Amino acid sequence: MSRFTPCKGKTACRDDGKQCLTCGRSFEEITRTRELIDALAELACIQNYDNVGEFVAYIAGKVEKKVRFRREGKESG
């Protein structure tokens, strides 16, 4: 397993053409993560949620549960 390192911001990025030398993540991973975040932000805006923090906490909890479930499934079989 690898360890997630969050971005330090676009101005902190340095690259070797394949990955950020600051956080160590590949540009493919960074791009995919940004796309998912943008899609979730767009959904919250479209729905006009006034409790965005609750929406974000819900999404975070669901993602964590799904990852655990998938990892347990792979380990057992």
Protein backbone atom coordinates (compact mmCIF):
# COMPACT_ATOMS: atom_id res chain seq x y z
CA MET A 1 0.00 0.00 0.00
CA SER A 2 1.05 3.56 -0.56
CA ARG A 3 0.45 6.61 1.58
CA PHE A 4 -1.69 9.51 0.34
CA THR A 5 -0.01 12.89 0.44
CA PRO A 6 -2.30 15.85 -0.22
CA CYS A 7 -1.34 18.58 -2.67
CA LYS A 8 0.40 21.60 -1.22
CA GLY A 9 -1.21 23.78 -3.89
CA LYS A 10 -0.57 24.33 -7.58
CA THR A 11 2.21 26.82 -6.90
CA ALA A 12 4.10 24.20 -4.85
CA CYS A 13 4.08 21.61 -7.64
CA ARG A 14 7.36 20.68 -9.25
CA ASP A 15 7.48 17.90 -11.75
CA ASP A 16 9.66 15.52 -13.66
CA GLY A 17 7.09 15.05 -16.42
CA LYS A 18 5.33 12.13 -14.69
CA GLN A 19 4.72 13.12 -11.10
CA CYS A 20 4.80 15.98 -8.65
CA LEU A 21 8.16 16.08 -6.90
CA THR A 22 6.57 17.85 -3.91
CA CYS A 23 3.82 15.35 -3.00
CA GLY A 24 5.06 12.37 -5.06
CA ARG A 25 1.68 11.69 -6.68
CA SER A 26 1.41 10.94 -10.39
CA PHE A 27 -0.20 13.54 -12.62
CA GLU A 28 -2.76 10.93 -13.62
CA GLU A 29 -3.76 10.48 -9.95
CA ILE A 30 -3.86 14.24 -9.34
CA THR A 31 -5.98 14.83 -12.45
CA ARG A 32 -8.43 12.05 -11.60
CA THR A 33 -8.79 13.30 -8.01
CA ARG A 34 -9.43 16.86 -9.21
CA GLU A 35 -12.07 15.60 -11.67
CA LEU A 36 -13.90 13.71 -8.92
CA ILE A 37 -13.76 16.70 -6.56
CA ASP A 38 -15.01 19.01 -9.30
CA ALA A 39 -17.92 16.64 -10.04
CA LEU A 40 -18.92 16.50 -6.37
CA ALA A 41 -18.66 20.28 -6.03
CA GLU A 42 -20.80 20.71 -9.14
CA LEU A 43 -23.44 18.33 -7.73
CA ALA A 44 -23.56 20.29 -4.45
CA CYS A 45 -23.95 23.54 -6.40
CA ILE A 46 -26.66 22.13 -8.67
CA GLN A 47 -28.56 20.82 -5.65
CA ASN A 48 -28.01 24.18 -3.93
CA TYR A 49 -27.19 22.50 -0.62
CA ASP A 50 -26.99 24.94 2.27
CA ASN A 51 -25.30 22.29 4.45
CA VAL A 52 -22.28 21.52 2.27
CA GLY A 53 -20.24 20.35 5.26
CA GLU A 54 -22.79 17.63 5.97
CA PHE A 55 -22.75 16.56 2.30
CA VAL A 56 -18.95 16.37 2.31
CA ALA A 57 -18.88 14.41 5.58
CA TYR A 58 -21.44 11.97 4.14
CA ILE A 59 -19.35 11.45 0.99
CA ALA A 60 -16.14 10.98 3.02
CA GLY A 61 -17.79 8.37 5.24
CA LYS A 62 -19.22 6.47 2.28
CA VAL A 63 -15.88 6.41 0.47
CA GLU A 64 -14.09 5.15 3.58
CA LYS A 65 -16.66 2.36 4.08
CA LYS A 66 -16.45 1.29 0.43
CA VAL A 67 -12.65 1.15 0.52
CA ARG A 68 -12.68 -0.96 3.67
CA PHE A 69 -15.31 -3.30 2.21
CA ARG A 70 -13.38 -3.75 -1.04
CA ARG A 71 -10.09 -4.35 0.77
CA GLU A 72 -11.68 -6.92 3.06
CA GLY A 73 -13.23 -8.67 0.07
CA LYS A 74 -9.87 -8.88 -1.70
CA GLU A 75 -8.08 -10.15 1.38
CA SER A 76 -10.60 -12.96 1.98
CA GLY A 77 -10.78 -14.25 -1.45
